[in-house]
Amino acid sequence: MDCIKDGIIGQIVGDALGLPVQFEPREFRDIDPVTKMTGNGAFDLPAGSWSDDSSLILATIDGLSKSLKKKGDEENLSLNDIIDYDIIMKNFSLWLNDGKFTPYGFAYDIGGATMDGIKRYDRGTEPILSGGIGERDNGNGSLMRILPIAYFIYYLSKKYHIDEEDKMTAIHNLSSLTHRHRRSQLCCGIYTLIALEFIENHEKESNLGLEELIANGIRKSKEYYSNNEEFKGQLHHFDRVFSLNIQNLPRDEIKSGGYTISSLEASIWCLLNNNSYKDTVLEAVNLGYDTDTTACIVGGLAGIYYGYGDIPNEWIDKLAKLDYIEDLVDKFSHPLIDLL
């Protein structure tokens, strides 16, 4: 359970840390870097407020929990038999339309592709066909909420036989609820395979280094996608990731807007160039632009690697509706841990 809490709280803290300065350019952060949890800013909300990133993560873990409760006692199920994408998508709709899974009872900071996907679902489109497939539908809105599937894959594999195709299909389907373009799916696949390396390292107490864990996840993803015809046309967009050389790129070459590949690259770069949870997420925020989402994405991996105890207590304590967050995390964690 600790590993799950590490990652989910790590994401939400990163989101809240970056939210007040969202949209501001890197030059602003160079002059006035973020060093602590603050409020006001982009949405004029109190310190510890979290955005759509965290809302959709919470909606996802709630949906996965309900999926497992519904089908978890059956035998010989595939991962995609267990996951009820309709439940998850209904949660997304409840977030957008009714303010569920939010800190203050209303949705805000809503990405365009995410909104479009939910509206398609509300009009009757099947969940995994709701996401956009256009070139402009490659924002980071599925990458920011994909981490929970890594936990689902890792722990359910202790009870069920989950082969590689089943695993990767689940990742792509979860992305496709709002982002169905192959590039977005591929970003989610790479990130999840890295996350699985982090989770296994934590659970087995292997103490492998960041560079080795990230490289292992990237190599596995490159091997899978290079042998998958549906994704081959997208691979050239990931040359910098697959080169395993992002760590050595100068900061000026790391982009931090809302494009999904930029967010993936920035997350890997921040991880490899820092030595603590705090420094990693502050680095992400101080890249500027899509500050909350970059810090959320990298915060999940940093939370798993460094552990809950490395997240500053004063940041955690400021989170809006912390009891609510912890309750949802517990409901997600306990059934998965019971599978061990």
C-alpha atoms as a PDB file:
ATOM      1  CA  MET A   1       0.000   0.000   0.000  1.00  0.00           C
ATOM      2  CA  ASP A   2       2.853   2.369   0.746  1.00  0.00           C
ATOM      3  CA  CYS A   3       4.037   2.255  -2.853  1.00  0.00           C
ATOM      4  CA  ILE A   4       0.596   3.237  -4.113  1.00  0.00           C
ATOM      5  CA  LYS A   5       0.275   6.067  -1.632  1.00  0.00           C
ATOM      6  CA  ASP A   6       3.791   7.234  -2.504  1.00  0.00           C
ATOM      7  CA  GLY A   7       2.933   7.636  -6.167  1.00  0.00           C
ATOM      8  CA  ILE A   8      -0.604   9.015  -5.996  1.00  0.00           C
ATOM      9  CA  ILE A   9       0.164  11.549  -3.257  1.00  0.00           C
ATOM     10  CA  GLY A  10       3.385  12.361  -5.108  1.00  0.00           C
ATOM     11  CA  GLN A  11       1.320  13.249  -8.163  1.00  0.00           C
ATOM     12  CA  ILE A  12      -1.248  15.352  -6.326  1.00  0.00           C
ATOM     13  CA  VAL A  13       1.373  17.296  -4.380  1.00  0.00           C
ATOM     14  CA  GLY A  14       3.202  18.049  -7.638  1.00  0.00           C
ATOM     15  CA  ASP A  15      -0.047  19.209  -9.210  1.00  0.00           C
ATOM     16  CA  ALA A  16      -0.851  21.517  -6.283  1.00  0.00           C
ATOM     17  CA  LEU A  17       2.682  22.881  -6.216  1.00  0.00           C
ATOM     18  CA  GLY A  18       2.552  23.886  -9.864  1.00  0.00           C
ATOM     19  CA  LEU A  19      -1.053  25.065 -10.167  1.00  0.00           C
ATOM     20  CA  PRO A  20      -0.642  28.685  -8.956  1.00  0.00           C
ATOM     21  CA  VAL A  21       2.026  29.476 -11.575  1.00  0.00           C
ATOM     22  CA  GLN A  22       0.493  27.551 -14.454  1.00  0.00           C
ATOM     23  CA  PHE A  23       0.781  29.214 -17.873  1.00  0.00           C
ATOM     24  CA  GLU A  24       3.597  31.541 -16.767  1.00  0.00           C
ATOM     25  CA  PRO A  25       6.730  31.358 -18.953  1.00  0.00           C
ATOM     26  CA  ARG A  26      10.059  29.966 -17.860  1.00  0.00           C
ATOM     27  CA  GLU A  27      11.560  33.436 -17.718  1.00  0.00           C
ATOM     28  CA  PHE A  28       9.217  34.284 -14.828  1.00  0.00           C
ATOM     29  CA  ARG A  29      10.390  31.254 -12.882  1.00  0.00           C
ATOM     30  CA  ASP A  30      14.024  32.078 -13.554  1.00  0.00           C
ATOM     31  CA  ILE A  31      13.457  35.458 -11.910  1.00  0.00           C
ATOM     32  CA  ASP A  32      11.110  34.218  -9.173  1.00  0.00           C
ATOM     33  CA  PRO A  33      11.494  30.449  -8.704  1.00  0.00           C
ATOM     34  CA  VAL A  34       8.898  28.467  -6.774  1.00  0.00           C
ATOM     35  CA  THR A  35      10.342  27.102  -3.526  1.00  0.00           C
ATOM     36  CA  LYS A  36       7.228  26.220  -1.517  1.00  0.00           C
ATOM     37  CA  MET A  37       3.504  25.517  -1.721  1.00  0.00           C
ATOM     38  CA  THR A  38       1.662  28.753  -2.457  1.00  0.00           C
ATOM     39  CA  GLY A  39      -1.855  29.838  -3.363  1.00  0.00           C
ATOM     40  CA  ASN A  40      -3.700  32.375  -5.501  1.00  0.00           C
ATOM     41  CA  GLY A  41      -2.094  32.637  -8.930  1.00  0.00           C
ATOM     42  CA  ALA A  42      -3.683  31.211 -12.060  1.00  0.00           C
ATOM     43  CA  PHE A  43      -7.072  30.327 -10.541  1.00  0.00           C
ATOM     44  CA  ASP A  44      -6.955  32.440  -7.369  1.00  0.00           C
ATOM     45  CA  LEU A  45      -7.293  29.399  -5.116  1.00  0.00           C
ATOM     46  CA  PRO A  46      -5.812  28.613  -1.689  1.00  0.00           C
ATOM     47  CA  ALA A  47      -2.461  26.870  -1.275  1.00  0.00           C
ATOM     48  CA  GLY A  48      -2.864  23.112  -1.635  1.00  0.00           C
ATOM     49  CA  SER A  49      -5.533  23.312  -4.326  1.00  0.00           C
ATOM     50  CA  TRP A  50      -5.250  20.684  -7.045  1.00  0.00           C
ATOM     51  CA  SER A  51      -6.433  20.683 -10.615  1.00  0.00           C
ATOM     52  CA  ASP A  52      -8.031  18.473 -13.253  1.00  0.00           C
ATOM     53  CA  ASP A  53      -4.896  16.330 -13.211  1.00  0.00           C
ATOM     54  CA  SER A  54      -5.566  15.062  -9.695  1.00  0.00           C
ATOM     55  CA  SER A  55      -9.340  14.963 -10.189  1.00  0.00           C
ATOM     56  CA  LEU A  56      -8.941  12.581 -13.129  1.00  0.00           C
ATOM     57  CA  ILE A  57      -6.408  10.466 -11.240  1.00  0.00           C
ATOM     58  CA  LEU A  58      -8.882  10.103  -8.379  1.00  0.00           C
ATOM     59  CA  ALA A  59     -11.711   9.367 -10.812  1.00  0.00           C
ATOM     60  CA  THR A  60      -9.506   6.685 -12.389  1.00  0.00           C
ATOM     61  CA  ILE A  61      -8.549   4.933  -9.147  1.00  0.00           C
ATOM     62  CA  ASP A  62     -12.177   4.976  -8.040  1.00  0.00           C
ATOM     63  CA  GLY A  63     -13.213   3.432 -11.368  1.00  0.00           C
ATOM     64  CA  LEU A  64     -10.497   0.785 -11.220  1.00  0.00           C
ATOM     65  CA  SER A  65     -11.454  -0.055  -7.626  1.00  0.00           C
ATOM     66  CA  LYS A  66     -15.080  -0.538  -8.602  1.00  0.00           C
ATOM     67  CA  SER A  67     -14.027  -2.634 -11.606  1.00  0.00           C
ATOM     68  CA  LEU A  68     -12.032  -4.968  -9.374  1.00  0.00           C
ATOM     69  CA  LYS A  69     -14.810  -5.230  -6.820  1.00  0.00           C
ATOM     70  CA  LYS A  70     -17.252  -6.109  -9.594  1.00  0.00           C
ATOM     71  CA  LYS A  71     -15.199  -8.865 -11.251  1.00  0.00           C
ATOM     72  CA  GLY A  72     -12.209  -9.583  -9.052  1.00  0.00           C
ATOM     73  CA  ASP A  73     -13.416 -12.940  -7.707  1.00  0.00           C
ATOM     74  CA  GLU A  74     -13.879 -14.508 -11.108  1.00  0.00           C
ATOM     75  CA  GLU A  75     -11.186 -16.823 -12.432  1.00  0.00           C
ATOM     76  CA  ASN A  76      -9.179 -16.700 -15.672  1.00  0.00           C
ATOM     77  CA  LEU A  77      -9.909 -13.072 -16.449  1.00  0.00           C
ATOM     78  CA  SER A  78      -7.774 -10.869 -18.635  1.00  0.00           C
ATOM     79  CA  LEU A  79      -6.908  -7.378 -17.510  1.00  0.00           C
ATOM     80  CA  ASN A  80      -9.322  -5.918 -20.020  1.00  0.00           C
ATOM     81  CA  ASP A  81     -12.088  -8.216 -18.781  1.00  0.00           C
ATOM     82  CA  ILE A  82     -11.647  -6.740 -15.318  1.00  0.00           C
ATOM     83  CA  ILE A  83     -11.408  -3.048 -16.212  1.00  0.00           C
ATOM     84  CA  ASP A  84     -14.802  -1.460 -16.739  1.00  0.00           C
ATOM     85  CA  TYR A  85     -13.982   1.559 -18.892  1.00  0.00           C
ATOM     86  CA  ASP A  86     -17.602   2.664 -18.729  1.00  0.00           C
ATOM     87  CA  ILE A  87     -17.354   3.142 -14.956  1.00  0.00           C
ATOM     88  CA  ILE A  88     -14.197   5.208 -15.357  1.00  0.00           C
ATOM     89  CA  MET A  89     -15.726   7.322 -18.098  1.00  0.00           C
ATOM     90  CA  LYS A  90     -18.864   7.896 -16.039  1.00  0.00           C
ATOM     91  CA  ASN A  91     -16.569   9.201 -13.305  1.00  0.00           C
ATOM     92  CA  PHE A  92     -14.957  11.584 -15.781  1.00  0.00           C
ATOM     93  CA  SER A  93     -18.405  12.799 -16.760  1.00  0.00           C
ATOM     94  CA  LEU A  94     -19.358  13.289 -13.115  1.00  0.00           C
ATOM     95  CA  TRP A  95     -16.202  15.334 -12.654  1.00  0.00           C
ATOM     96  CA  LEU A  96     -16.840  17.567 -15.648  1.00  0.00           C
ATOM     97  CA  ASN A  97     -20.588  18.001 -15.256  1.00  0.00           C
ATOM     98  CA  ASP A  98     -21.176  17.687 -11.502  1.00  0.00           C
ATOM     99  CA  GLY A  99     -17.871  18.607  -9.867  1.00  0.00           C
ATOM    100  CA  LYS A 100     -17.218  15.178  -8.330  1.00  0.00           C
ATOM    101  CA  PHE A 101     -13.564  14.326  -7.519  1.00  0.00           C
ATOM    102  CA  THR A 102     -12.746  18.043  -7.148  1.00  0.00           C
ATOM    103  CA  PRO A 103     -11.485  20.031  -4.165  1.00  0.00           C
ATOM    104  CA  TYR A 104     -14.289  22.605  -4.206  1.00  0.00           C
ATOM    105  CA  GLY A 105     -17.261  21.031  -5.961  1.00  0.00           C
ATOM    106  CA  PHE A 106     -16.654  22.300  -9.491  1.00  0.00           C
ATOM    107  CA  ALA A 107     -14.354  21.405 -12.373  1.00  0.00           C
ATOM    108  CA  TYR A 108     -11.778  23.898 -13.605  1.00  0.00           C
ATOM    109  CA  ASP A 109      -8.573  23.934 -15.659  1.00  0.00           C
ATOM    110  CA  ILE A 110     -10.079  21.571 -18.234  1.00  0.00           C
ATOM    111  CA  GLY A 111      -8.045  20.460 -21.238  1.00  0.00           C
ATOM    112  CA  GLY A 112      -9.737  20.737 -24.615  1.00  0.00           C
ATOM    113  CA  ALA A 113      -9.142  17.153 -25.749  1.00  0.00           C
ATOM    114  CA  THR A 114     -10.296  15.834 -22.394  1.00  0.00           C
ATOM    115  CA  MET A 115     -13.486  17.871 -22.533  1.00  0.00           C
ATOM    116  CA  ASP A 116     -14.158  16.767 -26.114  1.00  0.00           C
ATOM    117  CA  GLY A 117     -13.686  13.108 -25.210  1.00  0.00           C
ATOM    118  CA  ILE A 118     -16.069  13.300 -22.271  1.00  0.00           C
ATOM    119  CA  LYS A 119     -18.668  15.120 -24.351  1.00  0.00           C
ATOM    120  CA  ARG A 120     -18.460  12.417 -27.025  1.00  0.00           C
ATOM    121  CA  TYR A 121     -19.036   9.832 -24.331  1.00  0.00           C
ATOM    122  CA  ASP A 122     -21.987  11.798 -22.961  1.00  0.00           C
ATOM    123  CA  ARG A 123     -23.489  11.772 -26.462  1.00  0.00           C
ATOM    124  CA  GLY A 124     -23.260   7.986 -26.633  1.00  0.00           C
ATOM    125  CA  THR A 125     -19.787   7.115 -27.968  1.00  0.00           C
ATOM    126  CA  GLU A 126     -18.192   3.977 -26.526  1.00  0.00           C
ATOM    127  CA  PRO A 127     -15.638   4.766 -23.802  1.00  0.00           C
ATOM    128  CA  ILE A 128     -12.499   3.597 -25.608  1.00  0.00           C
ATOM    129  CA  LEU A 129     -13.580   5.341 -28.806  1.00  0.00           C
ATOM    130  CA  SER A 130     -14.264   8.686 -27.122  1.00  0.00           C
ATOM    131  CA  GLY A 131     -10.782  10.167 -27.359  1.00  0.00           C
ATOM    132  CA  GLY A 132      -9.719  12.308 -30.290  1.00  0.00           C
ATOM    133  CA  ILE A 133      -7.411  10.923 -32.970  1.00  0.00           C
ATOM    134  CA  GLY A 134      -6.237  14.131 -34.630  1.00  0.00           C
ATOM    135  CA  GLU A 135      -2.719  15.536 -34.615  1.00  0.00           C
ATOM    136  CA  ARG A 136      -3.887  18.272 -32.253  1.00  0.00           C
ATOM    137  CA  ASP A 137      -5.286  15.709 -29.811  1.00  0.00           C
ATOM    138  CA  ASN A 138      -1.856  14.974 -28.365  1.00  0.00           C
ATOM    139  CA  GLY A 139      -1.964  17.025 -25.209  1.00  0.00           C
ATOM    140  CA  ASN A 140      -0.801  15.506 -21.939  1.00  0.00           C
ATOM    141  CA  GLY A 141      -4.299  14.859 -20.589  1.00  0.00           C
ATOM    142  CA  SER A 142      -4.034  11.066 -20.608  1.00  0.00           C
ATOM    143  CA  LEU A 143      -0.377  10.908 -19.592  1.00  0.00           C
ATOM    144  CA  MET A 144      -1.098  12.874 -16.423  1.00  0.00           C
ATOM    145  CA  ARG A 145      -3.636  10.272 -15.194  1.00  0.00           C
ATOM    146  CA  ILE A 146      -2.094   7.012 -16.450  1.00  0.00           C
ATOM    147  CA  LEU A 147      -0.048   5.999 -13.376  1.00  0.00           C
ATOM    148  CA  PRO A 148      -2.847   4.022 -11.639  1.00  0.00           C
ATOM    149  CA  ILE A 149      -2.861   1.427 -14.418  1.00  0.00           C
ATOM    150  CA  ALA A 150       0.756   0.559 -13.539  1.00  0.00           C
ATOM    151  CA  TYR A 151      -0.341  -0.425 -10.040  1.00  0.00           C
ATOM    152  CA  PHE A 152      -3.292  -2.358 -11.438  1.00  0.00           C
ATOM    153  CA  ILE A 153      -1.023  -4.276 -13.799  1.00  0.00           C
ATOM    154  CA  TYR A 154       1.645  -5.001 -11.187  1.00  0.00           C
ATOM    155  CA  TYR A 155      -0.591  -6.277  -8.416  1.00  0.00           C
ATOM    156  CA  LEU A 156      -3.180  -8.055 -10.540  1.00  0.00           C
ATOM    157  CA  SER A 157      -0.389  -9.986 -12.238  1.00  0.00           C
ATOM    158  CA  LYS A 158       0.046 -11.734  -8.874  1.00  0.00           C
ATOM    159  CA  LYS A 159      -3.369 -13.377  -9.289  1.00  0.00           C
ATOM    160  CA  TYR A 160      -4.109 -13.360 -13.005  1.00  0.00           C
ATOM    161  CA  HIS A 161      -2.038 -14.218 -16.040  1.00  0.00           C
ATOM    162  CA  ILE A 162      -1.487 -10.881 -17.761  1.00  0.00           C
ATOM    163  CA  ASP A 163       0.447 -11.169 -21.002  1.00  0.00           C
ATOM    164  CA  GLU A 164       2.216  -8.299 -22.709  1.00  0.00           C
ATOM    165  CA  GLU A 165      -0.530  -7.592 -25.221  1.00  0.00           C
ATOM    166  CA  ASP A 166      -3.218  -7.530 -22.549  1.00  0.00           C
ATOM    167  CA  LYS A 167      -1.120  -5.136 -20.493  1.00  0.00           C
ATOM    168  CA  MET A 168      -0.350  -2.761 -23.346  1.00  0.00           C
ATOM    169  CA  THR A 169      -3.946  -2.817 -24.598  1.00  0.00           C
ATOM    170  CA  ALA A 170      -5.174  -1.751 -21.169  1.00  0.00           C
ATOM    171  CA  ILE A 171      -2.732   1.173 -21.144  1.00  0.00           C
ATOM    172  CA  HIS A 172      -3.789   2.265 -24.621  1.00  0.00           C
ATOM    173  CA  ASN A 173      -7.479   1.872 -23.821  1.00  0.00           C
ATOM    174  CA  LEU A 174      -7.187   3.993 -20.703  1.00  0.00           C
ATOM    175  CA  SER A 175      -5.480   6.718 -22.725  1.00  0.00           C
ATOM    176  CA  SER A 176      -8.119   6.418 -25.432  1.00  0.00           C
ATOM    177  CA  LEU A 177     -10.930   7.531 -23.156  1.00  0.00           C
ATOM    178  CA  THR A 178      -9.791  11.081 -23.949  1.00  0.00           C
ATOM    179  CA  HIS A 179      -6.653  10.746 -26.117  1.00  0.00           C
ATOM    180  CA  ARG A 180      -6.816   8.026 -28.787  1.00  0.00           C
ATOM    181  CA  HIS A 181      -3.991   9.150 -31.083  1.00  0.00           C
ATOM    182  CA  ARG A 182      -1.188   6.589 -31.303  1.00  0.00           C
ATOM    183  CA  ARG A 183       1.337   9.154 -30.083  1.00  0.00           C
ATOM    184  CA  SER A 184      -0.559   9.741 -26.861  1.00  0.00           C
ATOM    185  CA  GLN A 185      -0.980   6.002 -26.358  1.00  0.00           C
ATOM    186  CA  LEU A 186       2.730   5.501 -26.927  1.00  0.00           C
ATOM    187  CA  CYS A 187       3.627   8.166 -24.348  1.00  0.00           C
ATOM    188  CA  CYS A 188       1.385   6.445 -21.836  1.00  0.00           C
ATOM    189  CA  GLY A 189       2.975   3.102 -22.664  1.00  0.00           C
ATOM    190  CA  ILE A 190       6.521   4.353 -22.123  1.00  0.00           C
ATOM    191  CA  TYR A 191       5.628   6.093 -18.872  1.00  0.00           C
ATOM    192  CA  THR A 192       3.760   3.058 -17.522  1.00  0.00           C
ATOM    193  CA  LEU A 193       6.594   0.667 -18.321  1.00  0.00           C
ATOM    194  CA  ILE A 194       8.989   2.994 -16.503  1.00  0.00           C
ATOM    195  CA  ALA A 195       6.551   3.168 -13.573  1.00  0.00           C
ATOM    196  CA  LEU A 196       6.403  -0.630 -13.451  1.00  0.00           C
ATOM    197  CA  GLU A 197      10.186  -0.714 -13.086  1.00  0.00           C
ATOM    198  CA  PHE A 198       9.897   1.754 -10.183  1.00  0.00           C
ATOM    199  CA  ILE A 199       7.125  -0.257  -8.505  1.00  0.00           C
ATOM    200  CA  GLU A 200       8.986  -3.545  -8.813  1.00  0.00           C
ATOM    201  CA  ASN A 201      12.168  -1.933  -7.491  1.00  0.00           C
ATOM    202  CA  HIS A 202      10.208  -0.661  -4.485  1.00  0.00           C
ATOM    203  CA  GLU A 203       8.376  -3.922  -3.760  1.00  0.00           C
ATOM    204  CA  LYS A 204      11.478  -6.090  -4.122  1.00  0.00           C
ATOM    205  CA  GLU A 205      13.694  -3.562  -2.312  1.00  0.00           C
ATOM    206  CA  SER A 206      16.194  -3.869  -5.147  1.00  0.00           C
ATOM    207  CA  ASN A 207      17.727  -0.414  -4.667  1.00  0.00           C
ATOM    208  CA  LEU A 208      18.481   0.078  -8.351  1.00  0.00           C
ATOM    209  CA  GLY A 209      19.406   3.587  -9.480  1.00  0.00           C
ATOM    210  CA  LEU A 210      17.143   5.978 -11.324  1.00  0.00           C
ATOM    211  CA  GLU A 211      19.135   5.790 -14.532  1.00  0.00           C
ATOM    212  CA  GLU A 212      18.967   1.999 -14.671  1.00  0.00           C
ATOM    213  CA  LEU A 213      15.242   1.852 -13.887  1.00  0.00           C
ATOM    214  CA  ILE A 214      14.333   4.455 -16.478  1.00  0.00           C
ATOM    215  CA  ALA A 215      16.577   2.860 -19.093  1.00  0.00           C
ATOM    216  CA  ASN A 216      14.984  -0.547 -18.447  1.00  0.00           C
ATOM    217  CA  GLY A 217      11.487   0.853 -18.933  1.00  0.00           C
ATOM    218  CA  ILE A 218      12.453   2.703 -22.099  1.00  0.00           C
ATOM    219  CA  ARG A 219      14.195  -0.322 -23.601  1.00  0.00           C
ATOM    220  CA  LYS A 220      11.156  -2.533 -22.967  1.00  0.00           C
ATOM    221  CA  SER A 221       8.841   0.020 -24.517  1.00  0.00           C
ATOM    222  CA  LYS A 222      11.097   0.464 -27.551  1.00  0.00           C
ATOM    223  CA  GLU A 223      11.195  -3.285 -28.079  1.00  0.00           C
ATOM    224  CA  TYR A 224       7.407  -3.561 -27.895  1.00  0.00           C
ATOM    225  CA  TYR A 225       6.589  -0.609 -30.134  1.00  0.00           C
ATOM    226  CA  SER A 226       9.281  -1.403 -32.695  1.00  0.00           C
ATOM    227  CA  ASN A 227       7.544  -4.743 -33.267  1.00  0.00           C
ATOM    228  CA  ASN A 228       4.053  -3.269 -33.490  1.00  0.00           C
ATOM    229  CA  GLU A 229       3.049  -2.094 -36.962  1.00  0.00           C
ATOM    230  CA  GLU A 230       0.341   0.222 -35.631  1.00  0.00           C
ATOM    231  CA  PHE A 231       2.916   2.337 -33.829  1.00  0.00           C
ATOM    232  CA  LYS A 232       5.949   2.256 -36.143  1.00  0.00           C
ATOM    233  CA  GLY A 233       4.970   5.484 -37.866  1.00  0.00           C
ATOM    234  CA  GLN A 234       5.174   7.345 -34.557  1.00  0.00           C
ATOM    235  CA  LEU A 235       8.544   6.084 -33.342  1.00  0.00           C
ATOM    236  CA  HIS A 236      10.627   8.888 -34.872  1.00  0.00           C
ATOM    237  CA  HIS A 237       8.910  11.349 -32.547  1.00  0.00           C
ATOM    238  CA  PHE A 238      10.532   9.527 -29.638  1.00  0.00           C
ATOM    239  CA  ASP A 239      14.131   9.529 -30.812  1.00  0.00           C
ATOM    240  CA  ARG A 240      15.268  11.652 -27.855  1.00  0.00           C
ATOM    241  CA  VAL A 241      13.575   9.317 -25.389  1.00  0.00           C
ATOM    242  CA  PHE A 242      14.837   6.125 -26.991  1.00  0.00           C
ATOM    243  CA  SER A 243      18.387   7.509 -27.218  1.00  0.00           C
ATOM    244  CA  LEU A 244      18.635   7.355 -23.407  1.00  0.00           C
ATOM    245  CA  ASN A 245      20.425  10.694 -23.563  1.00  0.00           C
ATOM    246  CA  ILE A 246      17.782  13.086 -22.242  1.00  0.00           C
ATOM    247  CA  GLN A 247      19.652  13.558 -18.983  1.00  0.00           C
ATOM    248  CA  ASN A 248      22.466  15.290 -20.830  1.00  0.00           C
ATOM    249  CA  LEU A 249      20.345  17.748 -22.775  1.00  0.00           C
ATOM    250  CA  PRO A 250      20.614  21.393 -21.709  1.00  0.00           C
ATOM    251  CA  ARG A 251      17.609  22.849 -19.898  1.00  0.00           C
ATOM    252  CA  ASP A 252      16.860  25.147 -22.824  1.00  0.00           C
ATOM    253  CA  GLU A 253      16.140  22.110 -25.007  1.00  0.00           C
ATOM    254  CA  ILE A 254      13.552  20.716 -22.577  1.00  0.00           C
ATOM    255  CA  LYS A 255      10.075  21.980 -23.386  1.00  0.00           C
ATOM    256  CA  SER A 256       7.372  22.144 -20.743  1.00  0.00           C
ATOM    257  CA  GLY A 257       4.128  22.983 -22.503  1.00  0.00           C
ATOM    258  CA  GLY A 258       1.076  20.770 -22.827  1.00  0.00           C
ATOM    259  CA  TYR A 259       2.318  18.528 -25.661  1.00  0.00           C
ATOM    260  CA  THR A 260       2.430  14.947 -24.422  1.00  0.00           C
ATOM    261  CA  ILE A 261       5.953  14.147 -25.668  1.00  0.00           C
ATOM    262  CA  SER A 262       7.291  17.352 -24.112  1.00  0.00           C
ATOM    263  CA  SER A 263       5.775  16.337 -20.775  1.00  0.00           C
ATOM    264  CA  LEU A 264       7.261  12.843 -20.989  1.00  0.00           C
ATOM    265  CA  GLU A 265      10.698  14.186 -21.858  1.00  0.00           C
ATOM    266  CA  ALA A 266      10.585  16.871 -19.159  1.00  0.00           C
ATOM    267  CA  SER A 267       9.607  14.305 -16.545  1.00  0.00           C
ATOM    268  CA  ILE A 268      12.487  11.991 -17.411  1.00  0.00           C
ATOM    269  CA  TRP A 269      14.908  14.937 -17.522  1.00  0.00           C
ATOM    270  CA  CYS A 270      13.817  16.231 -14.110  1.00  0.00           C
ATOM    271  CA  LEU A 271      14.114  12.783 -12.542  1.00  0.00           C
ATOM    272  CA  LEU A 272      17.597  12.164 -13.866  1.00  0.00           C
ATOM    273  CA  ASN A 273      18.947  15.567 -12.909  1.00  0.00           C
ATOM    274  CA  ASN A 274      17.835  15.655  -9.269  1.00  0.00           C
ATOM    275  CA  ASN A 275      18.290  13.630  -6.113  1.00  0.00           C
ATOM    276  CA  SER A 276      15.112  14.045  -4.051  1.00  0.00           C
ATOM    277  CA  TYR A 277      11.368  14.310  -4.441  1.00  0.00           C
ATOM    278  CA  LYS A 278      11.405  17.970  -3.479  1.00  0.00           C
ATOM    279  CA  ASP A 279      14.120  18.990  -5.911  1.00  0.00           C
ATOM    280  CA  THR A 280      12.578  16.945  -8.733  1.00  0.00           C
ATOM    281  CA  VAL A 281       9.114  18.498  -8.570  1.00  0.00           C
ATOM    282  CA  LEU A 282      10.465  22.003  -7.969  1.00  0.00           C
ATOM    283  CA  GLU A 283      12.629  21.565 -11.064  1.00  0.00           C
ATOM    284  CA  ALA A 284       9.501  20.601 -12.998  1.00  0.00           C
ATOM    285  CA  VAL A 285       7.510  23.592 -11.764  1.00  0.00           C
ATOM    286  CA  ASN A 286      10.329  25.993 -12.486  1.00  0.00           C
ATOM    287  CA  LEU A 287      10.467  24.888 -16.114  1.00  0.00           C
ATOM    288  CA  GLY A 288       7.361  27.062 -16.460  1.00  0.00           C
ATOM    289  CA  TYR A 289       4.270  26.830 -18.704  1.00  0.00           C
ATOM    290  CA  ASP A 290       2.274  23.645 -17.914  1.00  0.00           C
ATOM    291  CA  THR A 291       3.715  23.610 -14.422  1.00  0.00           C
ATOM    292  CA  ASP A 292       1.060  21.612 -12.599  1.00  0.00           C
ATOM    293  CA  THR A 293       0.944  18.782 -15.112  1.00  0.00           C
ATOM    294  CA  THR A 294       4.696  18.419 -15.535  1.00  0.00           C
ATOM    295  CA  ALA A 295       5.106  18.298 -11.755  1.00  0.00           C
ATOM    296  CA  CYS A 296       2.170  15.882 -11.444  1.00  0.00           C
ATOM    297  CA  ILE A 297       3.559  13.470 -14.030  1.00  0.00           C
ATOM    298  CA  VAL A 298       7.068  13.421 -12.603  1.00  0.00           C
ATOM    299  CA  GLY A 299       5.778  13.596  -9.026  1.00  0.00           C
ATOM    300  CA  GLY A 300       4.268  10.141  -9.303  1.00  0.00           C
ATOM    301  CA  LEU A 301       7.543   8.509 -10.277  1.00  0.00           C
ATOM    302  CA  ALA A 302       9.560  10.571  -7.791  1.00  0.00           C
ATOM    303  CA  GLY A 303       7.075   9.655  -5.064  1.00  0.00           C
ATOM    304  CA  ILE A 304       7.520   5.945  -5.748  1.00  0.00           C
ATOM    305  CA  TYR A 305      11.303   6.151  -5.956  1.00  0.00           C
ATOM    306  CA  TYR A 306      11.989   8.378  -2.949  1.00  0.00           C
ATOM    307  CA  GLY A 307       8.989   7.372  -0.853  1.00  0.00           C
ATOM    308  CA  TYR A 308       6.241   9.169   0.976  1.00  0.00           C
ATOM    309  CA  GLY A 309       8.639  10.186   3.741  1.00  0.00           C
ATOM    310  CA  ASP A 310      10.654  12.263   1.286  1.00  0.00           C
ATOM    311  CA  ILE A 311       7.652  14.416   0.330  1.00  0.00           C
ATOM    312  CA  PRO A 312       7.702  17.523   2.552  1.00  0.00           C
ATOM    313  CA  ASN A 313       5.056  17.169   5.264  1.00  0.00           C
ATOM    314  CA  GLU A 314       4.094  20.810   4.981  1.00  0.00           C
ATOM    315  CA  TRP A 315       3.161  20.234   1.336  1.00  0.00           C
ATOM    316  CA  ILE A 316       1.066  17.159   2.091  1.00  0.00           C
ATOM    317  CA  ASP A 317      -0.687  18.814   5.036  1.00  0.00           C
ATOM    318  CA  LYS A 318      -1.784  21.739   2.856  1.00  0.00           C
ATOM    319  CA  LEU A 319      -3.557  19.577   0.282  1.00  0.00           C
ATOM    320  CA  ALA A 320      -7.243  20.405  -0.035  1.00  0.00           C
ATOM    321  CA  LYS A 321      -9.501  17.518   1.096  1.00  0.00           C
ATOM    322  CA  LEU A 322      -6.558  15.392   2.182  1.00  0.00           C
ATOM    323  CA  ASP A 323      -8.824  12.977   4.088  1.00  0.00           C
ATOM    324  CA  TYR A 324     -10.914  12.465   0.956  1.00  0.00           C
ATOM    325  CA  ILE A 325      -7.808  11.784  -1.133  1.00  0.00           C
ATOM    326  CA  GLU A 326      -6.438   9.318   1.387  1.00  0.00           C
ATOM    327  CA  ASP A 327      -9.773   7.505   1.605  1.00  0.00           C
ATOM    328  CA  LEU A 328      -9.887   6.986  -2.179  1.00  0.00           C
ATOM    329  CA  VAL A 329      -6.255   5.850  -2.194  1.00  0.00           C
ATOM    330  CA  ASP A 330      -6.975   3.354   0.604  1.00  0.00           C
ATOM    331  CA  LYS A 331      -9.989   1.953  -1.244  1.00  0.00           C
ATOM    332  CA  PHE A 332      -7.778   1.504  -4.303  1.00  0.00           C
ATOM    333  CA  SER A 333      -4.814   0.091  -2.387  1.00  0.00           C
ATOM    334  CA  HIS A 334      -6.250  -2.497  -0.034  1.00  0.00           C
ATOM    335  CA  PRO A 335      -7.855  -4.842  -2.615  1.00  0.00           C
ATOM    336  CA  LEU A 336      -4.660  -4.785  -4.684  1.00  0.00           C
ATOM    337  CA  ILE A 337      -2.360  -5.445  -1.745  1.00  0.00           C
ATOM    338  CA  ASP A 338      -4.636  -8.320  -0.682  1.00  0.00           C
ATOM    339  CA  LEU A 339      -3.698 -10.053  -3.947  1.00  0.00           C
ATOM    340  CA  LEU A 340      -0.091 -10.423  -2.827  1.00  0.00           C
END
